[in-house]
Amino acid sequence: MNTSSDEVVNRSGSQDVYRWSRRVLDTLSNEERQVCFWKKVEFSSQDIADYWGWPSASVDAVFAQAQDRIASARVAGAVATSRMPAGVRSAK
């Protein structure tokens, strides 16, 4: 098998993104992950609240908390990424 160095960098970059994503998801509670998923597929806070029997404000609070955790992980990831070789950084 003949693999170019670009393919190796892209693969290792993809693996790094996967690992980072997995670590971020592991920091979220089950409710935070579910709210993020429902929001990603464009359900409104009211739709989610109606389904779970929560107040809409609670859905918004859980989503905001998840966003804060993800933002913190991005900052931490940016610091870690700055220490990676340039080829891996560009693959992200």
PDB file of N, CA and C in Angstrom:
ATOM      1  N   MET A   1       0.838  -1.180   0.000  1.00  0.00           N
ATOM      2  CA  MET A   1       0.000   0.000   0.000  1.00  0.00           C
ATOM      3  C   MET A   1       0.879   1.238   0.000  1.00  0.00           C
ATOM      4  N   ASN A   2       0.584   2.136  -0.892  1.00  0.00           N
ATOM      5  CA  ASN A   2       1.362   3.348  -1.032  1.00  0.00           C
ATOM      6  C   ASN A   2       0.573   4.523  -0.452  1.00  0.00           C
ATOM      7  N   THR A   3       0.976   5.015   0.715  1.00  0.00           N
ATOM      8  CA  THR A   3       0.252   6.091   1.403  1.00  0.00           C
ATOM      9  C   THR A   3       1.090   7.352   1.389  1.00  0.00           C
ATOM     10  N   SER A   4       0.482   8.443   0.912  1.00  0.00           N
ATOM     11  CA  SER A   4       1.212   9.714   0.904  1.00  0.00           C
ATOM     12  C   SER A   4       1.249  10.298   2.308  1.00  0.00           C
ATOM     13  N   SER A   5       2.200  11.209   2.533  1.00  0.00           N
ATOM     14  CA  SER A   5       2.303  11.837   3.850  1.00  0.00           C
ATOM     15  C   SER A   5       1.073  12.681   4.153  1.00  0.00           C
ATOM     16  N   ASP A   6       0.433  13.268   3.123  1.00  0.00           N
ATOM     17  CA  ASP A   6      -0.786  14.053   3.340  1.00  0.00           C
ATOM     18  C   ASP A   6      -1.917  13.177   3.871  1.00  0.00           C
ATOM     19  N   GLU A   7      -2.010  11.948   3.346  1.00  0.00           N
ATOM     20  CA  GLU A   7      -3.042  11.042   3.827  1.00  0.00           C
ATOM     21  C   GLU A   7      -2.802  10.676   5.288  1.00  0.00           C
ATOM     22  N   VAL A   8      -1.561  10.477   5.663  1.00  0.00           N
ATOM     23  CA  VAL A   8      -1.233  10.139   7.052  1.00  0.00           C
ATOM     24  C   VAL A   8      -1.592  11.303   7.964  1.00  0.00           C
ATOM     25  N   VAL A   9      -1.243  12.523   7.567  1.00  0.00           N
ATOM     26  CA  VAL A   9      -1.568  13.705   8.372  1.00  0.00           C
ATOM     27  C   VAL A   9      -3.076  13.848   8.499  1.00  0.00           C
ATOM     28  N   ASN A  10      -3.803  13.679   7.389  1.00  0.00           N
ATOM     29  CA  ASN A  10      -5.259  13.802   7.444  1.00  0.00           C
ATOM     30  C   ASN A  10      -5.868  12.744   8.345  1.00  0.00           C
ATOM     31  N   ARG A  11      -5.358  11.527   8.284  1.00  0.00           N
ATOM     32  CA  ARG A  11      -5.872  10.477   9.157  1.00  0.00           C
ATOM     33  C   ARG A  11      -5.584  10.796  10.611  1.00  0.00           C
ATOM     34  N   SER A  12      -4.359  11.192  10.915  1.00  0.00           N
ATOM     35  CA  SER A  12      -4.030  11.483  12.301  1.00  0.00           C
ATOM     36  C   SER A  12      -4.796  12.710  12.773  1.00  0.00           C
ATOM     37  N   GLY A  13      -5.000  13.686  11.904  1.00  0.00           N
ATOM     38  CA  GLY A  13      -5.806  14.845  12.261  1.00  0.00           C
ATOM     39  C   GLY A  13      -7.231  14.446  12.558  1.00  0.00           C
ATOM     40  N   SER A  14      -7.802  13.561  11.746  1.00  0.00           N
ATOM     41  CA  SER A  14      -9.168  13.092  11.973  1.00  0.00           C
ATOM     42  C   SER A  14      -9.266  12.333  13.285  1.00  0.00           C
ATOM     43  N   GLN A  15      -8.266  11.540  13.582  1.00  0.00           N
ATOM     44  CA  GLN A  15      -8.266  10.803  14.848  1.00  0.00           C
ATOM     45  C   GLN A  15      -8.180  11.766  16.017  1.00  0.00           C
ATOM     46  N   ASP A  16      -7.373  12.812  15.873  1.00  0.00           N
ATOM     47  CA  ASP A  16      -7.263  13.809  16.937  1.00  0.00           C
ATOM     48  C   ASP A  16      -8.591  14.527  17.148  1.00  0.00           C
ATOM     49  N   VAL A  17      -9.258  14.865  16.065  1.00  0.00           N
ATOM     50  CA  VAL A  17     -10.562  15.526  16.168  1.00  0.00           C
ATOM     51  C   VAL A  17     -11.549  14.590  16.846  1.00  0.00           C
ATOM     52  N   TYR A  18     -11.531  13.324  16.460  1.00  0.00           N
ATOM     53  CA  TYR A  18     -12.426  12.344  17.082  1.00  0.00           C
ATOM     54  C   TYR A  18     -12.150  12.238  18.580  1.00  0.00           C
ATOM     55  N   ARG A  19     -10.890  12.118  18.953  1.00  0.00           N
ATOM     56  CA  ARG A  19     -10.544  11.998  20.375  1.00  0.00           C
ATOM     57  C   ARG A  19     -10.967  13.233  21.152  1.00  0.00           C
ATOM     58  N   TRP A  20     -10.697  14.410  20.574  1.00  0.00           N
ATOM     59  CA  TRP A  20     -11.084  15.650  21.229  1.00  0.00           C
ATOM     60  C   TRP A  20     -12.601  15.718  21.383  1.00  0.00           C
ATOM     61  N   SER A  21     -13.328  15.387  20.330  1.00  0.00           N
ATOM     62  CA  SER A  21     -14.789  15.411  20.376  1.00  0.00           C
ATOM     63  C   SER A  21     -15.320  14.455  21.432  1.00  0.00           C
ATOM     64  N   ARG A  22     -14.722  13.284  21.491  1.00  0.00           N
ATOM     65  CA  ARG A  22     -15.139  12.292  22.481  1.00  0.00           C
ATOM     66  C   ARG A  22     -14.901  12.811  23.900  1.00  0.00           C
ATOM     67  N   ARG A  23     -13.750  13.451  24.119  1.00  0.00           N
ATOM     68  CA  ARG A  23     -13.459  14.011  25.451  1.00  0.00           C
ATOM     69  C   ARG A  23     -14.456  15.104  25.808  1.00  0.00           C
ATOM     70  N   VAL A  24     -14.788  15.943  24.839  1.00  0.00           N
ATOM     71  CA  VAL A  24     -15.758  17.011  25.097  1.00  0.00           C
ATOM     72  C   VAL A  24     -17.117  16.407  25.436  1.00  0.00           C
ATOM     73  N   LEU A  25     -17.563  15.456  24.636  1.00  0.00           N
ATOM     74  CA  LEU A  25     -18.857  14.824  24.908  1.00  0.00           C
ATOM     75  C   LEU A  25     -18.877  14.152  26.276  1.00  0.00           C
ATOM     76  N   ASP A  26     -17.758  13.590  26.675  1.00  0.00           N
ATOM     77  CA  ASP A  26     -17.687  12.934  27.983  1.00  0.00           C
ATOM     78  C   ASP A  26     -17.816  13.918  29.137  1.00  0.00           C
ATOM     79  N   THR A  27     -17.528  15.205  28.898  1.00  0.00           N
ATOM     80  CA  THR A  27     -17.672  16.203  29.966  1.00  0.00           C
ATOM     81  C   THR A  27     -19.118  16.661  30.119  1.00  0.00           C
ATOM     82  N   LEU A  28     -19.946  16.417  29.111  1.00  0.00           N
ATOM     83  CA  LEU A  28     -21.341  16.842  29.162  1.00  0.00           C
ATOM     84  C   LEU A  28     -22.198  15.802  29.874  1.00  0.00           C
ATOM     85  N   SER A  29     -23.214  16.281  30.573  1.00  0.00           N
ATOM     86  CA  SER A  29     -24.174  15.365  31.181  1.00  0.00           C
ATOM     87  C   SER A  29     -25.031  14.750  30.078  1.00  0.00           C
ATOM     88  N   ASN A  30     -25.742  13.704  30.414  1.00  0.00           N
ATOM     89  CA  ASN A  30     -26.637  13.066  29.451  1.00  0.00           C
ATOM     90  C   ASN A  30     -27.667  14.072  28.938  1.00  0.00           C
ATOM     91  N   GLU A  31     -28.231  14.882  29.842  1.00  0.00           N
ATOM     92  CA  GLU A  31     -29.212  15.881  29.428  1.00  0.00           C
ATOM     93  C   GLU A  31     -28.600  16.920  28.504  1.00  0.00           C
ATOM     94  N   GLU A  32     -27.379  17.363  28.807  1.00  0.00           N
ATOM     95  CA  GLU A  32     -26.707  18.350  27.948  1.00  0.00           C
ATOM     96  C   GLU A  32     -26.480  17.785  26.549  1.00  0.00           C
ATOM     97  N   ARG A  33     -26.029  16.527  26.480  1.00  0.00           N
ATOM     98  CA  ARG A  33     -25.815  15.898  25.158  1.00  0.00           C
ATOM     99  C   ARG A  33     -27.118  15.809  24.385  1.00  0.00           C
ATOM    100  N   GLN A  34     -28.188  15.412  25.074  1.00  0.00           N
ATOM    101  CA  GLN A  34     -29.478  15.273  24.392  1.00  0.00           C
ATOM    102  C   GLN A  34     -30.002  16.621  23.914  1.00  0.00           C
ATOM    103  N   VAL A  35     -29.919  17.638  24.754  1.00  0.00           N
ATOM    104  CA  VAL A  35     -30.389  18.965  24.342  1.00  0.00           C
ATOM    105  C   VAL A  35     -29.574  19.458  23.147  1.00  0.00           C
ATOM    106  N   CYS A  36     -28.259  19.263  23.180  1.00  0.00           N
ATOM    107  CA  CYS A  36     -27.420  19.680  22.042  1.00  0.00           C
ATOM    108  C   CYS A  36     -27.841  18.967  20.765  1.00  0.00           C
ATOM    109  N   PHE A  37     -28.110  17.668  20.878  1.00  0.00           N
ATOM    110  CA  PHE A  37     -28.543  16.909  19.694  1.00  0.00           C
ATOM    111  C   PHE A  37     -29.862  17.462  19.174  1.00  0.00           C
ATOM    112  N   TRP A  38     -30.837  17.623  20.045  1.00  0.00           N
ATOM    113  CA  TRP A  38     -32.154  18.113  19.620  1.00  0.00           C
ATOM    114  C   TRP A  38     -32.037  19.506  18.999  1.00  0.00           C
ATOM    115  N   LYS A  39     -31.195  20.356  19.584  1.00  0.00           N
ATOM    116  CA  LYS A  39     -30.988  21.696  19.026  1.00  0.00           C
ATOM    117  C   LYS A  39     -30.316  21.602  17.656  1.00  0.00           C
ATOM    118  N   LYS A  40     -29.368  20.704  17.518  1.00  0.00           N
ATOM    119  CA  LYS A  40     -28.649  20.537  16.247  1.00  0.00           C
ATOM    120  C   LYS A  40     -29.609  20.150  15.125  1.00  0.00           C
ATOM    121  N   VAL A  41     -30.610  19.337  15.453  1.00  0.00           N
ATOM    122  CA  VAL A  41     -31.587  18.934  14.430  1.00  0.00           C
ATOM    123  C   VAL A  41     -32.788  19.885  14.402  1.00  0.00           C
ATOM    124  N   GLU A  42     -32.575  21.077  14.986  1.00  0.00           N
ATOM    125  CA  GLU A  42     -33.462  22.228  14.858  1.00  0.00           C
ATOM    126  C   GLU A  42     -34.797  22.121  15.578  1.00  0.00           C
ATOM    127  N   PHE A  43     -34.826  21.414  16.707  1.00  0.00           N
ATOM    128  CA  PHE A  43     -35.998  21.478  17.569  1.00  0.00           C
ATOM    129  C   PHE A  43     -35.888  22.734  18.421  1.00  0.00           C
ATOM    130  N   SER A  44     -36.997  23.371  18.684  1.00  0.00           N
ATOM    131  CA  SER A  44     -36.998  24.567  19.519  1.00  0.00           C
ATOM    132  C   SER A  44     -36.922  24.158  20.994  1.00  0.00           C
ATOM    133  N   SER A  45     -36.563  25.108  21.822  1.00  0.00           N
ATOM    134  CA  SER A  45     -36.549  24.861  23.266  1.00  0.00           C
ATOM    135  C   SER A  45     -37.932  24.442  23.741  1.00  0.00           C
ATOM    136  N   GLN A  46     -38.957  25.061  23.172  1.00  0.00           N
ATOM    137  CA  GLN A  46     -40.329  24.716  23.574  1.00  0.00           C
ATOM    138  C   GLN A  46     -40.676  23.288  23.168  1.00  0.00           C
ATOM    139  N   ASP A  47     -40.248  22.854  21.971  1.00  0.00           N
ATOM    140  CA  ASP A  47     -40.494  21.469  21.536  1.00  0.00           C
ATOM    141  C   ASP A  47     -39.857  20.481  22.512  1.00  0.00           C
ATOM    142  N   ILE A  48     -38.606  20.758  22.874  1.00  0.00           N
ATOM    143  CA  ILE A  48     -37.871  19.870  23.783  1.00  0.00           C
ATOM    144  C   ILE A  48     -38.534  19.888  25.152  1.00  0.00           C
ATOM    145  N   ALA A  49     -38.892  21.067  25.626  1.00  0.00           N
ATOM    146  CA  ALA A  49     -39.543  21.208  26.933  1.00  0.00           C
ATOM    147  C   ALA A  49     -40.873  20.454  26.967  1.00  0.00           C
ATOM    148  N   ASP A  50     -41.642  20.573  25.912  1.00  0.00           N
ATOM    149  CA  ASP A  50     -42.928  19.873  25.849  1.00  0.00           C
ATOM    150  C   ASP A  50     -42.726  18.361  25.914  1.00  0.00           C
ATOM    151  N   TYR A  51     -41.731  17.860  25.201  1.00  0.00           N
ATOM    152  CA  TYR A  51     -41.463  16.420  25.173  1.00  0.00           C
ATOM    153  C   TYR A  51     -41.037  15.907  26.550  1.00  0.00           C
ATOM    154  N   TRP A  52     -40.157  16.652  27.218  1.00  0.00           N
ATOM    155  CA  TRP A  52     -39.630  16.215  28.513  1.00  0.00           C
ATOM    156  C   TRP A  52     -40.464  16.662  29.695  1.00  0.00           C
ATOM    157  N   GLY A  53     -41.408  17.557  29.464  1.00  0.00           N
ATOM    158  CA  GLY A  53     -42.206  18.068  30.568  1.00  0.00           C
ATOM    159  C   GLY A  53     -41.448  19.061  31.433  1.00  0.00           C
ATOM    160  N   TRP A  54     -40.509  19.765  30.827  1.00  0.00           N
ATOM    161  CA  TRP A  54     -39.712  20.784  31.518  1.00  0.00           C
ATOM    162  C   TRP A  54     -40.217  22.157  31.136  1.00  0.00           C
ATOM    163  N   PRO A  55     -39.891  23.163  31.935  1.00  0.00           N
ATOM    164  CA  PRO A  55     -40.105  24.543  31.467  1.00  0.00           C
ATOM    165  C   PRO A  55     -39.097  24.859  30.356  1.00  0.00           C
ATOM    166  N   SER A  56     -39.510  25.682  29.420  1.00  0.00           N
ATOM    167  CA  SER A  56     -38.629  26.056  28.315  1.00  0.00           C
ATOM    168  C   SER A  56     -37.337  26.698  28.817  1.00  0.00           C
ATOM    169  N   ALA A  57     -37.430  27.463  29.879  1.00  0.00           N
ATOM    170  CA  ALA A  57     -36.244  28.123  30.445  1.00  0.00           C
ATOM    171  C   ALA A  57     -35.221  27.098  30.938  1.00  0.00           C
ATOM    172  N   SER A  58     -35.683  25.962  31.417  1.00  0.00           N
ATOM    173  CA  SER A  58     -34.758  24.912  31.865  1.00  0.00           C
ATOM    174  C   SER A  58     -33.974  24.336  30.696  1.00  0.00           C
ATOM    175  N   VAL A  59     -34.641  24.153  29.567  1.00  0.00           N
ATOM    176  CA  VAL A  59     -33.962  23.672  28.358  1.00  0.00           C
ATOM    177  C   VAL A  59     -32.896  24.678  27.941  1.00  0.00           C
ATOM    178  N   ASP A  60     -33.262  25.947  27.952  1.00  0.00           N
ATOM    179  CA  ASP A  60     -32.302  26.997  27.583  1.00  0.00           C
ATOM    180  C   ASP A  60     -31.111  27.021  28.540  1.00  0.00           C
ATOM    181  N   ALA A  61     -31.373  26.806  29.825  1.00  0.00           N
ATOM    182  CA  ALA A  61     -30.287  26.807  30.819  1.00  0.00           C
ATOM    183  C   ALA A  61     -29.348  25.624  30.606  1.00  0.00           C
ATOM    184  N   VAL A  62     -29.900  24.452  30.335  1.00  0.00           N
ATOM    185  CA  VAL A  62     -29.074  23.264  30.081  1.00  0.00           C
ATOM    186  C   VAL A  62     -28.249  23.471  28.817  1.00  0.00           C
ATOM    187  N   PHE A  63     -28.857  24.045  27.791  1.00  0.00           N
ATOM    188  CA  PHE A  63     -28.148  24.287  26.538  1.00  0.00           C
ATOM    189  C   PHE A  63     -27.018  25.298  26.738  1.00  0.00           C
ATOM    190  N   ALA A  64     -27.291  26.360  27.490  1.00  0.00           N
ATOM    191  CA  ALA A  64     -26.259  27.365  27.764  1.00  0.00           C
ATOM    192  C   ALA A  64     -25.094  26.758  28.544  1.00  0.00           C
ATOM    193  N   GLN A  65     -25.412  25.896  29.505  1.00  0.00           N
ATOM    194  CA  GLN A  65     -24.358  25.231  30.280  1.00  0.00           C
ATOM    195  C   GLN A  65     -23.502  24.348  29.370  1.00  0.00           C
ATOM    196  N   ALA A  66     -24.147  23.621  28.464  1.00  0.00           N
ATOM    197  CA  ALA A  66     -23.407  22.773  27.523  1.00  0.00           C
ATOM    198  C   ALA A  66     -22.526  23.625  26.617  1.00  0.00           C
ATOM    199  N   GLN A  67     -23.059  24.747  26.143  1.00  0.00           N
ATOM    200  CA  GLN A  67     -22.271  25.631  25.289  1.00  0.00           C
ATOM    201  C   GLN A  67     -21.052  26.171  26.026  1.00  0.00           C
ATOM    202  N   ASP A  68     -21.222  26.504  27.297  1.00  0.00           N
ATOM    203  CA  ASP A  68     -20.089  26.984  28.097  1.00  0.00           C
ATOM    204  C   ASP A  68     -19.012  25.909  28.228  1.00  0.00           C
ATOM    205  N   ARG A  69     -19.440  24.673  28.470  1.00  0.00           N
ATOM    206  CA  ARG A  69     -18.462  23.576  28.591  1.00  0.00           C
ATOM    207  C   ARG A  69     -17.729  23.343  27.272  1.00  0.00           C
ATOM    208  N   ILE A  70     -18.468  23.402  26.186  1.00  0.00           N
ATOM    209  CA  ILE A  70     -17.857  23.198  24.868  1.00  0.00           C
ATOM    210  C   ILE A  70     -16.882  24.331  24.557  1.00  0.00           C
ATOM    211  N   ALA A  71     -17.279  25.567  24.870  1.00  0.00           N
ATOM    212  CA  ALA A  71     -16.393  26.710  24.632  1.00  0.00           C
ATOM    213  C   ALA A  71     -15.111  26.575  25.450  1.00  0.00           C
ATOM    214  N   SER A  72     -15.232  26.138  26.699  1.00  0.00           N
ATOM    215  CA  SER A  72     -14.047  25.934  27.543  1.00  0.00           C
ATOM    216  C   SER A  72     -13.143  24.858  26.952  1.00  0.00           C
ATOM    217  N   ALA A  73     -13.756  23.811  26.425  1.00  0.00           N
ATOM    218  CA  ALA A  73     -12.980  22.731  25.809  1.00  0.00           C
ATOM    219  C   ALA A  73     -12.290  23.221  24.547  1.00  0.00           C
ATOM    220  N   ARG A  74     -12.944  24.114  23.804  1.00  0.00           N
ATOM    221  CA  ARG A  74     -12.320  24.677  22.597  1.00  0.00           C
ATOM    222  C   ARG A  74     -11.090  25.482  22.962  1.00  0.00           C
ATOM    223  N   VAL A  75     -11.195  26.280  24.022  1.00  0.00           N
ATOM    224  CA  VAL A  75     -10.043  27.069  24.459  1.00  0.00           C
ATOM    225  C   VAL A  75      -8.911  26.134  24.861  1.00  0.00           C
ATOM    226  N   ALA A  76      -9.228  25.117  25.642  1.00  0.00           N
ATOM    227  CA  ALA A  76      -8.211  24.141  26.046  1.00  0.00           C
ATOM    228  C   ALA A  76      -7.665  23.408  24.825  1.00  0.00           C
ATOM    229  N   GLY A  77      -8.541  23.086  23.863  1.00  0.00           N
ATOM    230  CA  GLY A  77      -8.116  22.415  22.639  1.00  0.00           C
ATOM    231  C   GLY A  77      -7.232  23.293  21.786  1.00  0.00           C
ATOM    232  N   ALA A  78      -7.496  24.591  21.776  1.00  0.00           N
ATOM    233  CA  ALA A  78      -6.669  25.519  20.999  1.00  0.00           C
ATOM    234  C   ALA A  78      -5.263  25.583  21.562  1.00  0.00           C
ATOM    235  N   VAL A  79      -5.156  25.540  22.879  1.00  0.00           N
ATOM    236  CA  VAL A  79      -3.833  25.536  23.504  1.00  0.00           C
ATOM    237  C   VAL A  79      -3.104  24.252  23.138  1.00  0.00           C
ATOM    238  N   ALA A  80      -3.800  23.117  23.229  1.00  0.00           N
ATOM    239  CA  ALA A  80      -3.177  21.839  22.882  1.00  0.00           C
ATOM    240  C   ALA A  80      -2.825  21.791  21.400  1.00  0.00           C
ATOM    241  N   THR A  81      -3.718  22.323  20.550  1.00  0.00           N
ATOM    242  CA  THR A  81      -3.485  22.308  19.111  1.00  0.00           C
ATOM    243  C   THR A  81      -2.271  23.145  18.744  1.00  0.00           C
ATOM    244  N   SER A  82      -2.044  24.237  19.459  1.00  0.00           N
ATOM    245  CA  SER A  82      -0.911  25.091  19.129  1.00  0.00           C
ATOM    246  C   SER A  82       0.420  24.369  19.344  1.00  0.00           C
ATOM    247  N   ARG A  83       0.396  23.279  20.102  1.00  0.00           N
ATOM    248  CA  ARG A  83       1.608  22.494  20.332  1.00  0.00           C
ATOM    249  C   ARG A  83       1.753  21.334  19.341  1.00  0.00           C
ATOM    250  N   MET A  84       0.762  21.147  18.468  1.00  0.00           N
ATOM    251  CA  MET A  84       0.813  20.063  17.493  1.00  0.00           C
ATOM    252  C   MET A  84       1.645  20.470  16.286  1.00  0.00           C
ATOM    253  N   PRO A  85       2.157  19.503  15.542  1.00  0.00           N
ATOM    254  CA  PRO A  85       2.849  19.820  14.294  1.00  0.00           C
ATOM    255  C   PRO A  85       1.892  20.547  13.335  1.00  0.00           C
ATOM    256  N   ALA A  86       2.413  21.418  12.508  1.00  0.00           N
ATOM    257  CA  ALA A  86       1.613  22.256  11.618  1.00  0.00           C
ATOM    258  C   ALA A  86       0.692  21.432  10.715  1.00  0.00           C
ATOM    259  N   GLY A  87       1.145  20.310  10.213  1.00  0.00           N
ATOM    260  CA  GLY A  87       0.336  19.478   9.319  1.00  0.00           C
ATOM    261  C   GLY A  87      -0.908  18.942  10.000  1.00  0.00           C
ATOM    262  N   VAL A  88      -0.818  18.617  11.269  1.00  0.00           N
ATOM    263  CA  VAL A  88      -1.966  18.104  12.004  1.00  0.00           C
ATOM    264  C   VAL A  88      -2.919  19.244  12.314  1.00  0.00           C
ATOM    265  N   ARG A  89      -2.391  20.417  12.668  1.00  0.00           N
ATOM    266  CA  ARG A  89      -3.250  21.575  12.945  1.00  0.00           C
ATOM    267  C   ARG A  89      -4.093  21.926  11.741  1.00  0.00           C
ATOM    268  N   SER A  90      -3.493  21.898  10.555  1.00  0.00           N
ATOM    269  CA  SER A  90      -4.228  22.290   9.345  1.00  0.00           C
ATOM    270  C   SER A  90      -5.275  21.265   8.944  1.00  0.00           C
ATOM    271  N   ALA A  91      -5.169  20.025   9.425  1.00  0.00           N
ATOM    272  CA  ALA A  91      -6.133  18.999   9.082  1.00  0.00           C
ATOM    273  C   ALA A  91      -7.444  19.207   9.838  1.00  0.00           C
ATOM    274  N   LYS A  92      -7.423  20.010  10.870  1.00  0.00           N
ATOM    275  CA  LYS A  92      -8.639  20.204  11.685  1.00  0.00           C
ATOM    276  C   LYS A  92      -9.551  21.187  11.078  1.00  0.00           C
TER     277      LYS A  92
END
